[in-house]
Amino acid sequence: KGLAGVAYFTVGTGIGGGALFNGTFVEGFSHPEMGHMLIKRHPKDNFSGNCPFHQDCLEGMAAGPAIEKRLGVKGQNLLADDSFWQ
């Protein structure tokens, strides 16, 4: 209550989400593709991404399949204190 906007993200095999701004759902052509927002890559990151449409999108860089492609192990098998999460 009382917020001008809110965003929700879910991360798993993909990244999805929704957003409200001034009480109205944020929509695109048909629905917001929150996971396919383009993100700025860290200058020292040479990972090519996992999304077949846009390599530098949030989902292509950080969803479950991207973590597995990057590290060769599923994210669920990484310990909470693994340096990857830093």
PDB file of N, CA and C in Angstrom:
ATOM      1  N   LYS A   1       0.833  -1.193   0.000  1.00  0.00           N
ATOM      2  CA  LYS A   1       0.000   0.000   0.000  1.00  0.00           C
ATOM      3  C   LYS A   1       0.870   1.247   0.000  1.00  0.00           C
ATOM      4  N   GLY A   2       0.439   2.230  -0.723  1.00  0.00           N
ATOM      5  CA  GLY A   2       1.131   3.503  -0.728  1.00  0.00           C
ATOM      6  C   GLY A   2       2.348   3.567  -1.628  1.00  0.00           C
ATOM      7  N   LEU A   3       2.643   2.506  -2.387  1.00  0.00           N
ATOM      8  CA  LEU A   3       3.798   2.519  -3.270  1.00  0.00           C
ATOM      9  C   LEU A   3       3.398   3.022  -4.652  1.00  0.00           C
ATOM     10  N   ALA A   4       4.295   3.761  -5.290  1.00  0.00           N
ATOM     11  CA  ALA A   4       4.035   4.235  -6.651  1.00  0.00           C
ATOM     12  C   ALA A   4       4.292   3.131  -7.669  1.00  0.00           C
ATOM     13  N   GLY A   5       5.173   2.214  -7.330  1.00  0.00           N
ATOM     14  CA  GLY A   5       5.501   1.139  -8.258  1.00  0.00           C
ATOM     15  C   GLY A   5       6.088  -0.049  -7.530  1.00  0.00           C
ATOM     16  N   VAL A   6       6.013  -1.185  -8.178  1.00  0.00           N
ATOM     17  CA  VAL A   6       6.579  -2.408  -7.621  1.00  0.00           C
ATOM     18  C   VAL A   6       6.957  -3.327  -8.781  1.00  0.00           C
ATOM     19  N   ALA A   7       8.024  -4.103  -8.599  1.00  0.00           N
ATOM     20  CA  ALA A   7       8.439  -5.088  -9.596  1.00  0.00           C
ATOM     21  C   ALA A   7       8.661  -6.416  -8.889  1.00  0.00           C
ATOM     22  N   TYR A   8       8.359  -7.502  -9.578  1.00  0.00           N
ATOM     23  CA  TYR A   8       8.538  -8.848  -9.052  1.00  0.00           C
ATOM     24  C   TYR A   8       9.295  -9.653 -10.097  1.00  0.00           C
ATOM     25  N   PHE A   9      10.332 -10.361  -9.669  1.00  0.00           N
ATOM     26  CA  PHE A   9      11.088 -11.237 -10.561  1.00  0.00           C
ATOM     27  C   PHE A   9      11.102 -12.640  -9.993  1.00  0.00           C
ATOM     28  N   THR A  10      11.038 -13.624 -10.863  1.00  0.00           N
ATOM     29  CA  THR A  10      11.193 -15.018 -10.479  1.00  0.00           C
ATOM     30  C   THR A  10      12.334 -15.589 -11.315  1.00  0.00           C
ATOM     31  N   VAL A  11      13.226 -16.316 -10.662  1.00  0.00           N
ATOM     32  CA  VAL A  11      14.410 -16.848 -11.330  1.00  0.00           C
ATOM     33  C   VAL A  11      14.403 -18.363 -11.207  1.00  0.00           C
ATOM     34  N   GLY A  12      14.576 -19.037 -12.316  1.00  0.00           N
ATOM     35  CA  GLY A  12      14.623 -20.499 -12.356  1.00  0.00           C
ATOM     36  C   GLY A  12      15.256 -20.894 -13.678  1.00  0.00           C
ATOM     37  N   THR A  13      14.568 -21.746 -14.444  1.00  0.00           N
ATOM     38  CA  THR A  13      15.080 -22.101 -15.764  1.00  0.00           C
ATOM     39  C   THR A  13      14.985 -20.929 -16.726  1.00  0.00           C
ATOM     40  N   GLY A  14      14.200 -19.948 -16.365  1.00  0.00           N
ATOM     41  CA  GLY A  14      14.092 -18.688 -17.086  1.00  0.00           C
ATOM     42  C   GLY A  14      13.974 -17.582 -16.061  1.00  0.00           C
ATOM     43  N   ILE A  15      13.792 -16.369 -16.517  1.00  0.00           N
ATOM     44  CA  ILE A  15      13.554 -15.245 -15.614  1.00  0.00           C
ATOM     45  C   ILE A  15      12.302 -14.545 -16.104  1.00  0.00           C
ATOM     46  N   GLY A  16      11.358 -14.394 -15.213  1.00  0.00           N
ATOM     47  CA  GLY A  16      10.112 -13.727 -15.552  1.00  0.00           C
ATOM     48  C   GLY A  16       9.802 -12.681 -14.512  1.00  0.00           C
ATOM     49  N   GLY A  17       8.796 -11.913 -14.761  1.00  0.00           N
ATOM     50  CA  GLY A  17       8.428 -10.908 -13.780  1.00  0.00           C
ATOM     51  C   GLY A  17       7.275 -10.054 -14.251  1.00  0.00           C
ATOM     52  N   GLY A  18       6.902  -9.178 -13.396  1.00  0.00           N
ATOM     53  CA  GLY A  18       5.837  -8.243 -13.692  1.00  0.00           C
ATOM     54  C   GLY A  18       6.095  -6.948 -12.958  1.00  0.00           C
ATOM     55  N   ALA A  19       5.448  -5.893 -13.402  1.00  0.00           N
ATOM     56  CA  ALA A  19       5.649  -4.592 -12.771  1.00  0.00           C
ATOM     57  C   ALA A  19       4.352  -3.791 -12.788  1.00  0.00           C
ATOM     58  N   LEU A  20       4.177  -3.028 -11.742  1.00  0.00           N
ATOM     59  CA  LEU A  20       3.073  -2.071 -11.631  1.00  0.00           C
ATOM     60  C   LEU A  20       3.677  -0.691 -11.462  1.00  0.00           C
ATOM     61  N   PHE A  21       3.130   0.288 -12.162  1.00  0.00           N
ATOM     62  CA  PHE A  21       3.567   1.667 -12.004  1.00  0.00           C
ATOM     63  C   PHE A  21       2.322   2.534 -11.920  1.00  0.00           C
ATOM     64  N   ASN A  22       2.221   3.289 -10.855  1.00  0.00           N
ATOM     65  CA  ASN A  22       1.036   4.121 -10.600  1.00  0.00           C
ATOM     66  C   ASN A  22      -0.264   3.316 -10.711  1.00  0.00           C
ATOM     67  N   GLY A  23      -0.225   2.084 -10.190  1.00  0.00           N
ATOM     68  CA  GLY A  23      -1.414   1.243 -10.164  1.00  0.00           C
ATOM     69  C   GLY A  23      -1.775   0.577 -11.475  1.00  0.00           C
ATOM     70  N   THR A  24      -0.904   0.682 -12.478  1.00  0.00           N
ATOM     71  CA  THR A  24      -1.172   0.099 -13.790  1.00  0.00           C
ATOM     72  C   THR A  24      -0.086  -0.910 -14.133  1.00  0.00           C
ATOM     73  N   PHE A  25      -0.492  -2.073 -14.659  1.00  0.00           N
ATOM     74  CA  PHE A  25       0.488  -3.058 -15.095  1.00  0.00           C
ATOM     75  C   PHE A  25       1.300  -2.500 -16.251  1.00  0.00           C
ATOM     76  N   VAL A  26       2.606  -2.724 -16.216  1.00  0.00           N
ATOM     77  CA  VAL A  26       3.493  -2.339 -17.307  1.00  0.00           C
ATOM     78  C   VAL A  26       3.377  -3.435 -18.361  1.00  0.00           C
ATOM     79  N   GLU A  27       3.039  -3.043 -19.585  1.00  0.00           N
ATOM     80  CA  GLU A  27       2.856  -4.010 -20.663  1.00  0.00           C
ATOM     81  C   GLU A  27       3.678  -3.613 -21.876  1.00  0.00           C
ATOM     82  N   GLY A  28       4.048  -4.618 -22.640  1.00  0.00           N
ATOM     83  CA  GLY A  28       4.721  -4.392 -23.907  1.00  0.00           C
ATOM     84  C   GLY A  28       3.767  -4.727 -25.027  1.00  0.00           C
ATOM     85  N   PHE A  29       4.299  -5.267 -26.116  1.00  0.00           N
ATOM     86  CA  PHE A  29       3.468  -5.634 -27.267  1.00  0.00           C
ATOM     87  C   PHE A  29       2.349  -6.582 -26.842  1.00  0.00           C
ATOM     88  N   SER A  30       2.722  -7.646 -26.113  1.00  0.00           N
ATOM     89  CA  SER A  30       1.704  -8.574 -25.632  1.00  0.00           C
ATOM     90  C   SER A  30       1.834  -8.808 -24.134  1.00  0.00           C
ATOM     91  N   HIS A  31       3.042  -8.787 -23.634  1.00  0.00           N
ATOM     92  CA  HIS A  31       3.314  -8.929 -22.206  1.00  0.00           C
ATOM     93  C   HIS A  31       4.773  -8.540 -21.975  1.00  0.00           C
ATOM     94  N   PRO A  32       5.108  -8.119 -20.768  1.00  0.00           N
ATOM     95  CA  PRO A  32       6.498  -7.718 -20.529  1.00  0.00           C
ATOM     96  C   PRO A  32       7.421  -8.930 -20.512  1.00  0.00           C
ATOM     97  N   GLU A  33       8.499  -8.834 -21.201  1.00  0.00           N
ATOM     98  CA  GLU A  33       9.515  -9.884 -21.215  1.00  0.00           C
ATOM     99  C   GLU A  33      10.622  -9.464 -20.257  1.00  0.00           C
ATOM    100  N   MET A  34      10.323  -9.517 -18.971  1.00  0.00           N
ATOM    101  CA  MET A  34      11.249  -9.014 -17.959  1.00  0.00           C
ATOM    102  C   MET A  34      12.620  -9.687 -18.032  1.00  0.00           C
ATOM    103  N   GLY A  35      12.655 -10.970 -18.312  1.00  0.00           N
ATOM    104  CA  GLY A  35      13.928 -11.682 -18.369  1.00  0.00           C
ATOM    105  C   GLY A  35      14.769 -11.325 -19.570  1.00  0.00           C
ATOM    106  N   HIS A  36      14.156 -10.717 -20.581  1.00  0.00           N
ATOM    107  CA  HIS A  36      14.901 -10.391 -21.791  1.00  0.00           C
ATOM    108  C   HIS A  36      15.322  -8.927 -21.848  1.00  0.00           C
ATOM    109  N   MET A  37      15.297  -8.268 -20.686  1.00  0.00           N
ATOM    110  CA  MET A  37      15.849  -6.908 -20.635  1.00  0.00           C
ATOM    111  C   MET A  37      17.348  -6.999 -20.881  1.00  0.00           C
ATOM    112  N   LEU A  38      17.861  -6.125 -21.710  1.00  0.00           N
ATOM    113  CA  LEU A  38      19.299  -6.109 -21.957  1.00  0.00           C
ATOM    114  C   LEU A  38      19.995  -5.512 -20.751  1.00  0.00           C
ATOM    115  N   ILE A  39      21.084  -6.132 -20.354  1.00  0.00           N
ATOM    116  CA  ILE A  39      21.838  -5.675 -19.188  1.00  0.00           C
ATOM    117  C   ILE A  39      23.263  -5.346 -19.609  1.00  0.00           C
ATOM    118  N   LYS A  40      23.893  -4.504 -18.831  1.00  0.00           N
ATOM    119  CA  LYS A  40      25.283  -4.148 -19.112  1.00  0.00           C
ATOM    120  C   LYS A  40      26.184  -5.247 -18.563  1.00  0.00           C
ATOM    121  N   ARG A  41      26.971  -5.792 -19.427  1.00  0.00           N
ATOM    122  CA  ARG A  41      27.896  -6.869 -19.064  1.00  0.00           C
ATOM    123  C   ARG A  41      29.089  -6.295 -18.291  1.00  0.00           C
ATOM    124  N   HIS A  42      29.546  -7.032 -17.276  1.00  0.00           N
ATOM    125  CA  HIS A  42      30.760  -6.628 -16.558  1.00  0.00           C
ATOM    126  C   HIS A  42      31.913  -6.664 -17.560  1.00  0.00           C
ATOM    127  N   PRO A  43      32.780  -5.651 -17.561  1.00  0.00           N
ATOM    128  CA  PRO A  43      33.850  -5.587 -18.560  1.00  0.00           C
ATOM    129  C   PRO A  43      34.775  -6.811 -18.560  1.00  0.00           C
ATOM    130  N   LYS A  44      34.885  -7.508 -17.444  1.00  0.00           N
ATOM    131  CA  LYS A  44      35.771  -8.675 -17.374  1.00  0.00           C
ATOM    132  C   LYS A  44      35.027  -9.991 -17.614  1.00  0.00           C
ATOM    133  N   ASP A  45      33.749  -9.919 -17.950  1.00  0.00           N
ATOM    134  CA  ASP A  45      32.950 -11.126 -18.168  1.00  0.00           C
ATOM    135  C   ASP A  45      32.965 -11.485 -19.647  1.00  0.00           C
ATOM    136  N   ASN A  46      33.538 -12.633 -19.980  1.00  0.00           N
ATOM    137  CA  ASN A  46      33.597 -13.054 -21.380  1.00  0.00           C
ATOM    138  C   ASN A  46      32.582 -14.148 -21.703  1.00  0.00           C
ATOM    139  N   PHE A  47      31.646 -14.420 -20.790  1.00  0.00           N
ATOM    140  CA  PHE A  47      30.602 -15.420 -21.039  1.00  0.00           C
ATOM    141  C   PHE A  47      29.700 -14.924 -22.162  1.00  0.00           C
ATOM    142  N   SER A  48      29.439 -15.785 -23.139  1.00  0.00           N
ATOM    143  CA  SER A  48      28.687 -15.364 -24.326  1.00  0.00           C
ATOM    144  C   SER A  48      27.180 -15.316 -24.123  1.00  0.00           C
ATOM    145  N   GLY A  49      26.700 -15.785 -22.994  1.00  0.00           N
ATOM    146  CA  GLY A  49      25.260 -15.787 -22.743  1.00  0.00           C
ATOM    147  C   GLY A  49      24.610 -17.057 -23.268  1.00  0.00           C
ATOM    148  N   ASN A  50      23.374 -17.281 -22.870  1.00  0.00           N
ATOM    149  CA  ASN A  50      22.684 -18.511 -23.227  1.00  0.00           C
ATOM    150  C   ASN A  50      21.387 -18.260 -23.990  1.00  0.00           C
ATOM    151  N   CYS A  51      21.005 -17.019 -24.182  1.00  0.00           N
ATOM    152  CA  CYS A  51      19.760 -16.708 -24.876  1.00  0.00           C
ATOM    153  C   CYS A  51      20.003 -16.721 -26.389  1.00  0.00           C
ATOM    154  N   PRO A  52      19.191 -17.470 -27.150  1.00  0.00           N
ATOM    155  CA  PRO A  52      19.400 -17.502 -28.596  1.00  0.00           C
ATOM    156  C   PRO A  52      18.979 -16.210 -29.303  1.00  0.00           C
ATOM    157  N   PHE A  53      18.293 -15.323 -28.596  1.00  0.00           N
ATOM    158  CA  PHE A  53      17.796 -14.092 -29.209  1.00  0.00           C
ATOM    159  C   PHE A  53      18.658 -12.878 -28.890  1.00  0.00           C
ATOM    160  N   HIS A  54      19.072 -12.738 -27.615  1.00  0.00           N
ATOM    161  CA  HIS A  54      19.919 -11.608 -27.208  1.00  0.00           C
ATOM    162  C   HIS A  54      20.880 -12.117 -26.144  1.00  0.00           C
ATOM    163  N   GLN A  55      22.133 -12.164 -26.454  1.00  0.00           N
ATOM    164  CA  GLN A  55      23.116 -12.752 -25.542  1.00  0.00           C
ATOM    165  C   GLN A  55      23.246 -11.980 -24.236  1.00  0.00           C
ATOM    166  N   ASP A  56      23.073 -10.676 -24.274  1.00  0.00           N
ATOM    167  CA  ASP A  56      23.284  -9.864 -23.073  1.00  0.00           C
ATOM    168  C   ASP A  56      21.992  -9.564 -22.325  1.00  0.00           C
ATOM    169  N   CYS A  57      21.023 -10.453 -22.352  1.00  0.00           N
ATOM    170  CA  CYS A  57      19.803 -10.214 -21.584  1.00  0.00           C
ATOM    171  C   CYS A  57      19.934 -10.885 -20.219  1.00  0.00           C
ATOM    172  N   LEU A  58      19.126 -10.448 -19.288  1.00  0.00           N
ATOM    173  CA  LEU A  58      19.171 -10.965 -17.926  1.00  0.00           C
ATOM    174  C   LEU A  58      19.032 -12.481 -17.902  1.00  0.00           C
ATOM    175  N   GLU A  59      18.066 -13.021 -18.619  1.00  0.00           N
ATOM    176  CA  GLU A  59      17.851 -14.471 -18.637  1.00  0.00           C
ATOM    177  C   GLU A  59      19.037 -15.210 -19.246  1.00  0.00           C
ATOM    178  N   GLY A  60      19.580 -14.692 -20.332  1.00  0.00           N
ATOM    179  CA  GLY A  60      20.705 -15.333 -20.999  1.00  0.00           C
ATOM    180  C   GLY A  60      21.983 -15.317 -20.188  1.00  0.00           C
ATOM    181  N   MET A  61      22.054 -14.414 -19.223  1.00  0.00           N
ATOM    182  CA  MET A  61      23.252 -14.304 -18.393  1.00  0.00           C
ATOM    183  C   MET A  61      23.099 -14.919 -17.005  1.00  0.00           C
ATOM    184  N   ALA A  62      21.843 -15.028 -16.488  1.00  0.00           N
ATOM    185  CA  ALA A  62      21.704 -15.372 -15.070  1.00  0.00           C
ATOM    186  C   ALA A  62      20.693 -16.464 -14.737  1.00  0.00           C
ATOM    187  N   ALA A  63      19.905 -16.945 -15.692  1.00  0.00           N
ATOM    188  CA  ALA A  63      18.941 -18.007 -15.383  1.00  0.00           C
ATOM    189  C   ALA A  63      19.674 -19.338 -15.199  1.00  0.00           C
ATOM    190  N   GLY A  64      18.967 -20.321 -14.729  1.00  0.00           N
ATOM    191  CA  GLY A  64      19.551 -21.629 -14.451  1.00  0.00           C
ATOM    192  C   GLY A  64      20.386 -22.205 -15.580  1.00  0.00           C
ATOM    193  N   PRO A  65      19.861 -22.281 -16.811  1.00  0.00           N
ATOM    194  CA  PRO A  65      20.661 -22.830 -17.903  1.00  0.00           C
ATOM    195  C   PRO A  65      21.930 -22.022 -18.194  1.00  0.00           C
ATOM    196  N   ALA A  66      21.886 -20.712 -17.987  1.00  0.00           N
ATOM    197  CA  ALA A  66      23.079 -19.885 -18.196  1.00  0.00           C
ATOM    198  C   ALA A  66      24.135 -20.197 -17.139  1.00  0.00           C
ATOM    199  N   ILE A  67      23.701 -20.378 -15.899  1.00  0.00           N
ATOM    200  CA  ILE A  67      24.649 -20.734 -14.831  1.00  0.00           C
ATOM    201  C   ILE A  67      25.301 -22.069 -15.149  1.00  0.00           C
ATOM    202  N   GLU A  68      24.496 -23.036 -15.574  1.00  0.00           N
ATOM    203  CA  GLU A  68      25.040 -24.357 -15.893  1.00  0.00           C
ATOM    204  C   GLU A  68      26.004 -24.290 -17.077  1.00  0.00           C
ATOM    205  N   LYS A  69      25.660 -23.510 -18.107  1.00  0.00           N
ATOM    206  CA  LYS A  69      26.552 -23.369 -19.263  1.00  0.00           C
ATOM    207  C   LYS A  69      27.851 -22.674 -18.865  1.00  0.00           C
ATOM    208  N   ARG A  70      27.739 -21.685 -18.000  1.00  0.00           N
ATOM    209  CA  ARG A  70      28.900 -20.908 -17.564  1.00  0.00           C
ATOM    210  C   ARG A  70      29.849 -21.736 -16.698  1.00  0.00           C
ATOM    211  N   LEU A  71      29.286 -22.511 -15.754  1.00  0.00           N
ATOM    212  CA  LEU A  71      30.101 -23.198 -14.756  1.00  0.00           C
ATOM    213  C   LEU A  71      30.229 -24.698 -14.960  1.00  0.00           C
ATOM    214  N   GLY A  72      29.334 -25.280 -15.766  1.00  0.00           N
ATOM    215  CA  GLY A  72      29.345 -26.724 -15.937  1.00  0.00           C
ATOM    216  C   GLY A  72      28.678 -27.464 -14.792  1.00  0.00           C
ATOM    217  N   VAL A  73      27.937 -26.747 -13.963  1.00  0.00           N
ATOM    218  CA  VAL A  73      27.225 -27.336 -12.823  1.00  0.00           C
ATOM    219  C   VAL A  73      25.924 -26.568 -12.631  1.00  0.00           C
ATOM    220  N   LYS A  74      24.884 -27.264 -12.204  1.00  0.00           N
ATOM    221  CA  LYS A  74      23.606 -26.593 -11.945  1.00  0.00           C
ATOM    222  C   LYS A  74      23.739 -25.664 -10.740  1.00  0.00           C
ATOM    223  N   GLY A  75      23.084 -24.516 -10.813  1.00  0.00           N
ATOM    224  CA  GLY A  75      23.122 -23.562  -9.710  1.00  0.00           C
ATOM    225  C   GLY A  75      22.650 -24.161  -8.400  1.00  0.00           C
ATOM    226  N   GLN A  76      21.680 -25.072  -8.463  1.00  0.00           N
ATOM    227  CA  GLN A  76      21.157 -25.694  -7.241  1.00  0.00           C
ATOM    228  C   GLN A  76      22.203 -26.553  -6.546  1.00  0.00           C
ATOM    229  N   ASN A  77      23.278 -26.907  -7.262  1.00  0.00           N
ATOM    230  CA  ASN A  77      24.339 -27.707  -6.657  1.00  0.00           C
ATOM    231  C   ASN A  77      25.489 -26.863  -6.116  1.00  0.00           C
ATOM    232  N   LEU A  78      25.403 -25.553  -6.277  1.00  0.00           N
ATOM    233  CA  LEU A  78      26.427 -24.664  -5.723  1.00  0.00           C
ATOM    234  C   LEU A  78      26.098 -24.362  -4.269  1.00  0.00           C
ATOM    235  N   LEU A  79      27.103 -24.322  -3.439  1.00  0.00           N
ATOM    236  CA  LEU A  79      26.896 -23.962  -2.039  1.00  0.00           C
ATOM    237  C   LEU A  79      26.536 -22.485  -1.933  1.00  0.00           C
ATOM    238  N   ALA A  80      25.828 -22.139  -0.898  1.00  0.00           N
ATOM    239  CA  ALA A  80      25.395 -20.751  -0.691  1.00  0.00           C
ATOM    240  C   ALA A  80      26.579 -19.797  -0.599  1.00  0.00           C
ATOM    241  N   ASP A  81      27.722 -20.275  -0.109  1.00  0.00           N
ATOM    242  CA  ASP A  81      28.890 -19.402   0.030  1.00  0.00           C
ATOM    243  C   ASP A  81      29.871 -19.534  -1.141  1.00  0.00           C
ATOM    244  N   ASP A  82      29.451 -20.170  -2.236  1.00  0.00           N
ATOM    245  CA  ASP A  82      30.303 -20.282  -3.414  1.00  0.00           C
ATOM    246  C   ASP A  82      30.618 -18.879  -3.933  1.00  0.00           C
ATOM    247  N   SER A  83      31.833 -18.663  -4.380  1.00  0.00           N
ATOM    248  CA  SER A  83      32.252 -17.333  -4.845  1.00  0.00           C
ATOM    249  C   SER A  83      31.443 -16.866  -6.059  1.00  0.00           C
ATOM    250  N   PHE A  84      30.808 -17.777  -6.779  1.00  0.00           N
ATOM    251  CA  PHE A  84      29.987 -17.389  -7.929  1.00  0.00           C
ATOM    252  C   PHE A  84      28.881 -16.427  -7.526  1.00  0.00           C
ATOM    253  N   TRP A  85      28.333 -16.597  -6.330  1.00  0.00           N
ATOM    254  CA  TRP A  85      27.211 -15.769  -5.885  1.00  0.00           C
ATOM    255  C   TRP A  85      27.652 -14.374  -5.449  1.00  0.00           C
ATOM    256  N   GLN A  86      28.931 -14.093  -5.425  1.00  0.00           N
ATOM    257  CA  GLN A  86      29.421 -12.781  -4.971  1.00  0.00           C
ATOM    258  C   GLN A  86      29.201 -11.722  -6.009  1.00  0.00           C
TER     259      GLN A  86
END
